[in-house]
Amino acid sequence: VQGHPNLDNAMIAVNALRAKGKKMRGHNMFWGNAKYTHPR
C-alpha cells in the first residue's frame, strides 16, 4: 500500500542472521520484468 512501507519482518530475519555471523545480500531494490514485480 503506497505510503505504508513495512520492513519489520525482513529486518527481524536480517538481524537474526547477522547475529549468527552471517553476511547478507539485499534482493532486490527494483524489478521491472513482469507486472507483479513492482507495486501495482
All heavy atoms as atom14 arrays in JSON, in Angstrom:
{
  "sequence": "VQGHPNLDNAMIAVNALRAKGKKMRGHNMFWGNAKYTHPR",
  "atom14_mask": [
    [1, 1, 1, 1, 1, 1, 1, 0, 0, 0, 0, 0, 0, 0],
    [1, 1, 1, 1, 1, 1, 1, 1, 1, 0, 0, 0, 0, 0],
    [1, 1, 1, 1, 0, 0, 0, 0, 0, 0, 0, 0, 0, 0],
    [1, 1, 1, 1, 1, 1, 1, 1, 1, 1, 0, 0, 0, 0],
    [1, 1, 1, 1, 1, 1, 1, 0, 0, 0, 0, 0, 0, 0],
    [1, 1, 1, 1, 1, 1, 1, 1, 0, 0, 0, 0, 0, 0],
    [1, 1, 1, 1, 1, 1, 1, 1, 0, 0, 0, 0, 0, 0],
    [1, 1, 1, 1, 1, 1, 1, 1, 0, 0, 0, 0, 0, 0],
    [1, 1, 1, 1, 1, 1, 1, 1, 0, 0, 0, 0, 0, 0],
    [1, 1, 1, 1, 1, 0, 0, 0, 0, 0, 0, 0, 0, 0],
    [1, 1, 1, 1, 1, 1, 1, 1, 0, 0, 0, 0, 0, 0],
    [1, 1, 1, 1, 1, 1, 1, 1, 0, 0, 0, 0, 0, 0],
    [1, 1, 1, 1, 1, 0, 0, 0, 0, 0, 0, 0, 0, 0],
    [1, 1, 1, 1, 1, 1, 1, 0, 0, 0, 0, 0, 0, 0],
    [1, 1, 1, 1, 1, 1, 1, 1, 0, 0, 0, 0, 0, 0],
    [1, 1, 1, 1, 1, 0, 0, 0, 0, 0, 0, 0, 0, 0],
    [1, 1, 1, 1, 1, 1, 1, 1, 0, 0, 0, 0, 0, 0],
    [1, 1, 1, 1, 1, 1, 1, 1, 1, 1, 1, 0, 0, 0],
    [1, 1, 1, 1, 1, 0, 0, 0, 0, 0, 0, 0, 0, 0],
    [1, 1, 1, 1, 1, 1, 1, 1, 1, 0, 0, 0, 0, 0],
    [1, 1, 1, 1, 0, 0, 0, 0, 0, 0, 0, 0, 0, 0],
    [1, 1, 1, 1, 1, 1, 1, 1, 1, 0, 0, 0, 0, 0],
    [1, 1, 1, 1, 1, 1, 1, 1, 1, 0, 0, 0, 0, 0],
    [1, 1, 1, 1, 1, 1, 1, 1, 0, 0, 0, 0, 0, 0],
    [1, 1, 1, 1, 1, 1, 1, 1, 1, 1, 1, 0, 0, 0],
    [1, 1, 1, 1, 0, 0, 0, 0, 0, 0, 0, 0, 0, 0],
    [1, 1, 1, 1, 1, 1, 1, 1, 1, 1, 0, 0, 0, 0],
    [1, 1, 1, 1, 1, 1, 1, 1, 0, 0, 0, 0, 0, 0],
    [1, 1, 1, 1, 1, 1, 1, 1, 0, 0, 0, 0, 0, 0],
    [1, 1, 1, 1, 1, 1, 1, 1, 1, 1, 1, 0, 0, 0],
    [1, 1, 1, 1, 1, 1, 1, 1, 1, 1, 1, 1, 1, 1],
    [1, 1, 1, 1, 0, 0, 0, 0, 0, 0, 0, 0, 0, 0],
    [1, 1, 1, 1, 1, 1, 1, 1, 0, 0, 0, 0, 0, 0],
    [1, 1, 1, 1, 1, 0, 0, 0, 0, 0, 0, 0, 0, 0],
    [1, 1, 1, 1, 1, 1, 1, 1, 1, 0, 0, 0, 0, 0],
    [1, 1, 1, 1, 1, 1, 1, 1, 1, 1, 1, 1, 0, 0],
    [1, 1, 1, 1, 1, 1, 1, 0, 0, 0, 0, 0, 0, 0],
    [1, 1, 1, 1, 1, 1, 1, 1, 1, 1, 0, 0, 0, 0],
    [1, 1, 1, 1, 1, 1, 1, 0, 0, 0, 0, 0, 0, 0],
    [1, 1, 1, 1, 1, 1, 1, 1, 1, 1, 1, 0, 0, 0]
  ],
  "atom14_positions": [
    [[0.86, -1.19, 0.0], [0.0, 0.0, 0.0], [0.89, 1.23, 0.0], [1.77, 1.36, 0.86], [-0.93, 0.01, 1.23], [-1.79, 1.28, 1.22], [-1.81, -1.23, 1.25], [0.0, 0.0, 0.0], [0.0, 0.0, 0.0], [0.0, 0.0, 0.0], [0.0, 0.0, 0.0], [0.0, 0.0, 0.0], [0.0, 0.0, 0.0], [0.0, 0.0, 0.0]],
    [[0.67, 2.11, -0.96], [1.53, 3.28, -1.09], [1.56, 4.11, 0.19], [0.52, 4.38, 0.8], [1.07, 4.16, -2.25], [1.99, 5.36, -2.51], [1.48, 6.25, -3.62], [0.36, 6.07, -4.11], [2.29, 7.21, -4.05], [0.0, 0.0, 0.0], [0.0, 0.0, 0.0], [0.0, 0.0, 0.0], [0.0, 0.0, 0.0], [0.0, 0.0, 0.0]],
    [[2.77, 4.47, 0.58], [2.93, 5.31, 1.75], [2.95, 4.58, 3.06], [3.05, 5.2, 4.13], [0.0, 0.0, 0.0], [0.0, 0.0, 0.0], [0.0, 0.0, 0.0], [0.0, 0.0, 0.0], [0.0, 0.0, 0.0], [0.0, 0.0, 0.0], [0.0, 0.0, 0.0], [0.0, 0.0, 0.0], [0.0, 0.0, 0.0], [0.0, 0.0, 0.0]],
    [[2.88, 3.23, 3.02], [2.88, 2.44, 4.25], [3.93, 1.33, 4.17], [3.6, 0.14, 4.18], [1.49, 1.85, 4.52], [0.43, 2.88, 4.72], [0.2, 3.5, 5.94], [-0.46, 3.43, 3.85], [-0.77, 4.36, 5.82], [-1.2, 4.35, 4.56], [0.0, 0.0, 0.0], [0.0, 0.0, 0.0], [0.0, 0.0, 0.0], [0.0, 0.0, 0.0]],
    [[5.19, 1.71, 4.07], [6.24, 0.68, 3.99], [6.37, -0.05, 5.32], [6.22, 0.54, 6.39], [7.5, 1.48, 3.67], [7.24, 2.84, 4.25], [5.77, 3.08, 4.06], [0.0, 0.0, 0.0], [0.0, 0.0, 0.0], [0.0, 0.0, 0.0], [0.0, 0.0, 0.0], [0.0, 0.0, 0.0], [0.0, 0.0, 0.0], [0.0, 0.0, 0.0]],
    [[6.63, -1.34, 5.24], [6.81, -2.16, 6.44], [7.92, -3.17, 6.19], [7.73, -4.12, 5.44], [5.51, -2.85, 6.81], [5.6, -3.56, 8.16], [6.69, -3.88, 8.65], [4.47, -3.83, 8.78], [0.0, 0.0, 0.0], [0.0, 0.0, 0.0], [0.0, 0.0, 0.0], [0.0, 0.0, 0.0], [0.0, 0.0, 0.0], [0.0, 0.0, 0.0]],
    [[9.06, -2.95, 6.81], [10.2, -3.86, 6.66], [10.46, -4.65, 7.93], [11.53, -5.24, 8.09], [11.46, -3.08, 6.28], [11.59, -2.66, 4.82], [10.79, -1.41, 4.53], [13.05, -2.45, 4.43], [0.0, 0.0, 0.0], [0.0, 0.0, 0.0], [0.0, 0.0, 0.0], [0.0, 0.0, 0.0], [0.0, 0.0, 0.0], [0.0, 0.0, 0.0]],
    [[9.48, -4.7, 8.84], [9.71, -5.33, 10.13], [10.09, -6.8, 9.99], [11.08, -7.26, 10.58], [8.46, -5.21, 11.0], [8.19, -3.78, 11.45], [9.08, -2.93, 11.25], [7.1, -3.51, 11.97], [0.0, 0.0, 0.0], [0.0, 0.0, 0.0], [0.0, 0.0, 0.0], [0.0, 0.0, 0.0], [0.0, 0.0, 0.0], [0.0, 0.0, 0.0]],
    [[9.32, -7.56, 9.22], [9.61, -9.0, 9.07], [10.97, -9.23, 8.42], [11.72, -10.13, 8.82], [8.52, -9.67, 8.26], [7.18, -9.71, 9.0], [7.15, -9.65, 10.23], [6.09, -9.79, 8.25], [0.0, 0.0, 0.0], [0.0, 0.0, 0.0], [0.0, 0.0, 0.0], [0.0, 0.0, 0.0], [0.0, 0.0, 0.0], [0.0, 0.0, 0.0]],
    [[11.28, -8.41, 7.41], [12.57, -8.55, 6.74], [13.71, -8.28, 7.71], [14.7, -9.02, 7.76], [12.65, -7.62, 5.54], [0.0, 0.0, 0.0], [0.0, 0.0, 0.0], [0.0, 0.0, 0.0], [0.0, 0.0, 0.0], [0.0, 0.0, 0.0], [0.0, 0.0, 0.0], [0.0, 0.0, 0.0], [0.0, 0.0, 0.0], [0.0, 0.0, 0.0]],
    [[13.59, -7.22, 8.49], [14.7, -6.84, 9.36], [14.84, -7.79, 10.55], [15.95, -7.99, 11.06], [14.51, -5.4, 9.85], [14.64, -4.37, 8.73], [16.1, -4.63, 7.65], [17.46, -4.53, 8.82], [0.0, 0.0, 0.0], [0.0, 0.0, 0.0], [0.0, 0.0, 0.0], [0.0, 0.0, 0.0], [0.0, 0.0, 0.0], [0.0, 0.0, 0.0]],
    [[13.74, -8.38, 11.01], [13.86, -9.4, 12.06], [14.73, -10.55, 11.55], [15.62, -11.05, 12.26], [12.46, -9.91, 12.47], [11.72, -8.82, 13.27], [12.58, -11.19, 13.3], [10.27, -9.15, 13.54], [0.0, 0.0, 0.0], [0.0, 0.0, 0.0], [0.0, 0.0, 0.0], [0.0, 0.0, 0.0], [0.0, 0.0, 0.0], [0.0, 0.0, 0.0]],
    [[14.49, -10.96, 10.3], [15.28, -12.05, 9.73], [16.72, -11.62, 9.5], [17.67, -12.36, 9.83], [14.66, -12.51, 8.42], [0.0, 0.0, 0.0], [0.0, 0.0, 0.0], [0.0, 0.0, 0.0], [0.0, 0.0, 0.0], [0.0, 0.0, 0.0], [0.0, 0.0, 0.0], [0.0, 0.0, 0.0], [0.0, 0.0, 0.0], [0.0, 0.0, 0.0]],
    [[16.92, -10.43, 8.93], [18.28, -9.95, 8.67], [19.08, -9.88, 9.97], [20.23, -10.34, 10.04], [18.24, -8.57, 7.98], [19.62, -7.92, 7.98], [17.73, -8.7, 6.55], [0.0, 0.0, 0.0], [0.0, 0.0, 0.0], [0.0, 0.0, 0.0], [0.0, 0.0, 0.0], [0.0, 0.0, 0.0], [0.0, 0.0, 0.0], [0.0, 0.0, 0.0]],
    [[18.49, -9.31, 11.0], [19.22, -9.15, 12.26], [19.49, -10.5, 12.93], [20.54, -10.69, 13.55], [18.43, -8.23, 13.2], [18.42, -6.8, 12.71], [19.37, -6.34, 12.06], [17.35, -6.07, 12.99], [0.0, 0.0, 0.0], [0.0, 0.0, 0.0], [0.0, 0.0, 0.0], [0.0, 0.0, 0.0], [0.0, 0.0, 0.0], [0.0, 0.0, 0.0]],
    [[18.56, -11.45, 12.78], [18.79, -12.78, 13.35], [19.95, -13.47, 12.65], [20.8, -14.11, 13.3], [17.52, -13.62, 13.22], [0.0, 0.0, 0.0], [0.0, 0.0, 0.0], [0.0, 0.0, 0.0], [0.0, 0.0, 0.0], [0.0, 0.0, 0.0], [0.0, 0.0, 0.0], [0.0, 0.0, 0.0], [0.0, 0.0, 0.0], [0.0, 0.0, 0.0]],
    [[20.02, -13.35, 11.34], [21.11, -13.96, 10.58], [22.44, -13.3, 10.89], [23.46, -13.97, 11.06], [20.79, -13.88, 9.08], [19.66, -14.81, 8.62], [19.03, -14.3, 7.34], [20.2, -16.22, 8.43], [0.0, 0.0, 0.0], [0.0, 0.0, 0.0], [0.0, 0.0, 0.0], [0.0, 0.0, 0.0], [0.0, 0.0, 0.0], [0.0, 0.0, 0.0]],
    [[22.45, -11.99, 10.99], [23.69, -11.28, 11.31], [24.16, -11.61, 12.72], [25.37, -11.66, 12.99], [23.52, -9.78, 11.13], [23.27, -9.37, 9.68], [23.22, -7.86, 9.49], [24.53, -7.26, 9.65], [24.87, -6.43, 10.64], [23.99, -6.11, 11.57], [26.08, -5.91, 10.69], [0.0, 0.0, 0.0], [0.0, 0.0, 0.0], [0.0, 0.0, 0.0]],
    [[23.22, -11.82, 13.63], [23.6, -12.18, 15.0], [24.32, -13.51, 15.05], [25.1, -13.78, 15.97], [22.35, -12.21, 15.88], [0.0, 0.0, 0.0], [0.0, 0.0, 0.0], [0.0, 0.0, 0.0], [0.0, 0.0, 0.0], [0.0, 0.0, 0.0], [0.0, 0.0, 0.0], [0.0, 0.0, 0.0], [0.0, 0.0, 0.0], [0.0, 0.0, 0.0]],
    [[24.07, -14.34, 14.04], [24.76, -15.63, 13.93], [26.04, -15.53, 13.1], [26.65, -16.54, 12.75], [23.83, -16.66, 13.29], [22.63, -17.03, 14.14], [22.99, -18.01, 15.23], [21.74, -18.57, 15.89], [22.07, -19.59, 16.92], [0.0, 0.0, 0.0], [0.0, 0.0, 0.0], [0.0, 0.0, 0.0], [0.0, 0.0, 0.0], [0.0, 0.0, 0.0]],
    [[26.42, -14.31, 12.74], [27.65, -14.1, 12.0], [27.53, -14.24, 10.5], [28.55, -14.29, 9.8], [0.0, 0.0, 0.0], [0.0, 0.0, 0.0], [0.0, 0.0, 0.0], [0.0, 0.0, 0.0], [0.0, 0.0, 0.0], [0.0, 0.0, 0.0], [0.0, 0.0, 0.0], [0.0, 0.0, 0.0], [0.0, 0.0, 0.0], [0.0, 0.0, 0.0]],
    [[26.3, -14.28, 9.98], [26.11, -14.45, 8.54], [26.1, -13.08, 7.84], [25.57, -12.11, 8.37], [24.82, -15.18, 8.24], [24.69, -16.53, 8.97], [25.88, -17.44, 8.72], [25.77, -18.73, 9.5], [26.97, -19.6, 9.32], [0.0, 0.0, 0.0], [0.0, 0.0, 0.0], [0.0, 0.0, 0.0], [0.0, 0.0, 0.0], [0.0, 0.0, 0.0]],
    [[26.66, -13.05, 6.65], [26.63, -11.85, 5.82], [25.42, -11.91, 4.9], [25.02, -12.99, 4.48], [27.93, -11.72, 5.01], [29.16, -11.51, 5.88], [30.42, -11.34, 5.03], [31.63, -11.11, 5.91], [32.87, -10.95, 5.11], [0.0, 0.0, 0.0], [0.0, 0.0, 0.0], [0.0, 0.0, 0.0], [0.0, 0.0, 0.0], [0.0, 0.0, 0.0]],
    [[24.88, -10.73, 4.56], [23.61, -10.69, 3.87], [23.68, -9.88, 2.58], [24.29, -8.82, 2.52], [22.54, -10.06, 4.78], [22.24, -10.86, 6.04], [21.54, -12.49, 5.67], [19.99, -12.01, 4.88], [0.0, 0.0, 0.0], [0.0, 0.0, 0.0], [0.0, 0.0, 0.0], [0.0, 0.0, 0.0], [0.0, 0.0, 0.0], [0.0, 0.0, 0.0]],
    [[22.98, -10.42, 1.55], [22.76, -9.69, 0.3], [21.35, -9.1, 0.31], [20.43, -9.68, 0.87], [22.89, -10.6, -0.93], [24.23, -11.28, -1.1], [24.36, -11.92, -2.49], [24.63, -10.91, -3.5], [23.81, -10.55, -4.45], [22.6, -11.1, -4.53], [24.14, -9.62, -5.32], [0.0, 0.0, 0.0], [0.0, 0.0, 0.0], [0.0, 0.0, 0.0]],
    [[21.18, -7.96, -0.34], [19.88, -7.34, -0.49], [19.3, -7.64, -1.86], [19.91, -7.34, -2.88], [0.0, 0.0, 0.0], [0.0, 0.0, 0.0], [0.0, 0.0, 0.0], [0.0, 0.0, 0.0], [0.0, 0.0, 0.0], [0.0, 0.0, 0.0], [0.0, 0.0, 0.0], [0.0, 0.0, 0.0], [0.0, 0.0, 0.0], [0.0, 0.0, 0.0]],
    [[18.12, -8.26, -1.87], [17.48, -8.69, -3.13], [16.0, -8.35, -3.04], [15.29, -8.93, -2.24], [17.68, -10.18, -3.33], [17.0, -10.75, -4.53], [17.52, -10.63, -5.8], [15.84, -11.45, -4.66], [16.71, -11.25, -6.65], [15.68, -11.74, -5.98], [0.0, 0.0, 0.0], [0.0, 0.0, 0.0], [0.0, 0.0, 0.0], [0.0, 0.0, 0.0]],
    [[15.51, -7.47, -3.85], [16.19, -6.54, -4.73], [15.56, -5.17, -4.55], [14.43, -5.06, -4.05], [16.09, -7.0, -6.19], [14.63, -7.32, -6.57], [13.77, -6.44, -6.56], [14.37, -8.57, -6.87], [0.0, 0.0, 0.0], [0.0, 0.0, 0.0], [0.0, 0.0, 0.0], [0.0, 0.0, 0.0], [0.0, 0.0, 0.0], [0.0, 0.0, 0.0]],
    [[16.25, -4.11, -4.99], [15.7, -2.77, -4.83], [14.6, -2.5, -5.84], [13.52, -2.0, -5.5], [16.81, -1.73, -4.95], [16.36, -0.32, -4.59], [15.87, -0.13, -2.85], [17.48, -0.11, -2.05], [0.0, 0.0, 0.0], [0.0, 0.0, 0.0], [0.0, 0.0, 0.0], [0.0, 0.0, 0.0], [0.0, 0.0, 0.0], [0.0, 0.0, 0.0]],
    [[14.84, -2.84, -7.12], [13.85, -2.65, -8.18], [13.82, -3.89, -9.06], [14.81, -4.59, -9.22], [14.18, -1.41, -9.03], [14.18, -0.13, -8.26], [15.38, 0.52, -7.96], [13.0, 0.42, -7.81], [15.38, 1.7, -7.24], [13.0, 1.61, -7.09], [14.19, 2.25, -6.79], [0.0, 0.0, 0.0], [0.0, 0.0, 0.0], [0.0, 0.0, 0.0]],
    [[12.63, -4.09, -9.68], [12.43, -5.25, -10.54], [11.32, -4.9, -11.51], [10.21, -4.61, -11.1], [12.07, -6.47, -9.69], [12.07, -7.79, -10.38], [12.52, -8.07, -11.63], [11.62, -9.04, -9.83], [12.38, -9.41, -11.92], [11.84, -10.03, -10.83], [11.07, -9.41, -8.61], [11.5, -11.36, -10.62], [10.74, -10.73, -8.41], [10.96, -11.71, -9.39]],
    [[11.62, -4.91, -12.79], [10.63, -4.48, -13.77], [10.37, -5.5, -14.85], [10.01, -5.15, -15.97], [0.0, 0.0, 0.0], [0.0, 0.0, 0.0], [0.0, 0.0, 0.0], [0.0, 0.0, 0.0], [0.0, 0.0, 0.0], [0.0, 0.0, 0.0], [0.0, 0.0, 0.0], [0.0, 0.0, 0.0], [0.0, 0.0, 0.0], [0.0, 0.0, 0.0]],
    [[10.51, -6.79, -14.5], [10.41, -7.84, -15.51], [8.98, -8.23, -15.84], [8.68, -8.63, -16.95], [11.19, -9.07, -15.04], [11.2, -10.19, -16.06], [10.96, -9.97, -17.23], [11.46, -11.4, -15.62], [0.0, 0.0, 0.0], [0.0, 0.0, 0.0], [0.0, 0.0, 0.0], [0.0, 0.0, 0.0], [0.0, 0.0, 0.0], [0.0, 0.0, 0.0]],
    [[8.08, -8.15, -14.89], [6.7, -8.58, -15.1], [5.77, -7.69, -14.29], [6.21, -6.91, -13.45], [6.52, -10.05, -14.7], [0.0, 0.0, 0.0], [0.0, 0.0, 0.0], [0.0, 0.0, 0.0], [0.0, 0.0, 0.0], [0.0, 0.0, 0.0], [0.0, 0.0, 0.0], [0.0, 0.0, 0.0], [0.0, 0.0, 0.0], [0.0, 0.0, 0.0]],
    [[4.48, -7.84, -14.53], [3.53, -6.91, -13.92], [3.45, -7.02, -12.41], [2.96, -6.11, -11.74], [2.15, -7.1, -14.55], [1.52, -8.47, -14.31], [0.16, -8.55, -15.0], [-0.49, -9.91, -14.81], [-1.82, -9.96, -15.47], [0.0, 0.0, 0.0], [0.0, 0.0, 0.0], [0.0, 0.0, 0.0], [0.0, 0.0, 0.0], [0.0, 0.0, 0.0]],
    [[3.91, -8.14, -11.83], [3.84, -8.3, -10.39], [5.18, -8.05, -9.7], [5.31, -8.28, -8.5], [3.34, -9.71, -10.04], [1.95, -9.99, -10.56], [1.72, -11.04, -11.43], [0.87, -9.19, -10.19], [0.45, -11.31, -11.92], [-0.4, -9.44, -10.67], [-0.61, -10.5, -11.54], [-1.87, -10.73, -12.01], [0.0, 0.0, 0.0], [0.0, 0.0, 0.0]],
    [[6.16, -7.57, -10.41], [7.48, -7.35, -9.82], [7.67, -5.93, -9.33], [8.72, -5.6, -8.8], [8.59, -7.69, -10.83], [8.43, -6.86, -11.99], [8.53, -9.15, -11.24], [0.0, 0.0, 0.0], [0.0, 0.0, 0.0], [0.0, 0.0, 0.0], [0.0, 0.0, 0.0], [0.0, 0.0, 0.0], [0.0, 0.0, 0.0], [0.0, 0.0, 0.0]],
    [[6.68, -5.09, -9.51], [6.68, -3.74, -8.94], [5.31, -3.52, -8.3], [4.34, -4.2, -8.65], [6.95, -2.7, -10.02], [5.94, -2.72, -11.13], [6.08, -3.53, -12.25], [4.76, -2.06, -11.3], [5.03, -3.36, -13.05], [4.22, -2.48, -12.49], [0.0, 0.0, 0.0], [0.0, 0.0, 0.0], [0.0, 0.0, 0.0], [0.0, 0.0, 0.0]],
    [[5.2, -2.59, -7.37], [3.89, -2.36, -6.73], [2.84, -1.96, -7.77], [3.09, -1.12, -8.63], [4.17, -1.22, -5.76], [5.64, -1.28, -5.51], [6.25, -1.74, -6.79], [0.0, 0.0, 0.0], [0.0, 0.0, 0.0], [0.0, 0.0, 0.0], [0.0, 0.0, 0.0], [0.0, 0.0, 0.0], [0.0, 0.0, 0.0], [0.0, 0.0, 0.0]],
    [[1.66, -2.52, -7.66], [0.61, -2.22, -8.62], [0.19, -0.75, -8.57], [-0.28, -0.19, -9.58], [-0.61, -3.11, -8.36], [-0.35, -4.6, -8.58], [-1.64, -5.4, -8.42], [-1.38, -6.83, -8.48], [-2.33, -7.75, -8.44], [-3.61, -7.38, -8.33], [-2.03, -9.02, -8.49], [0.0, 0.0, 0.0], [0.0, 0.0, 0.0], [0.0, 0.0, 0.0]]
  ]
}
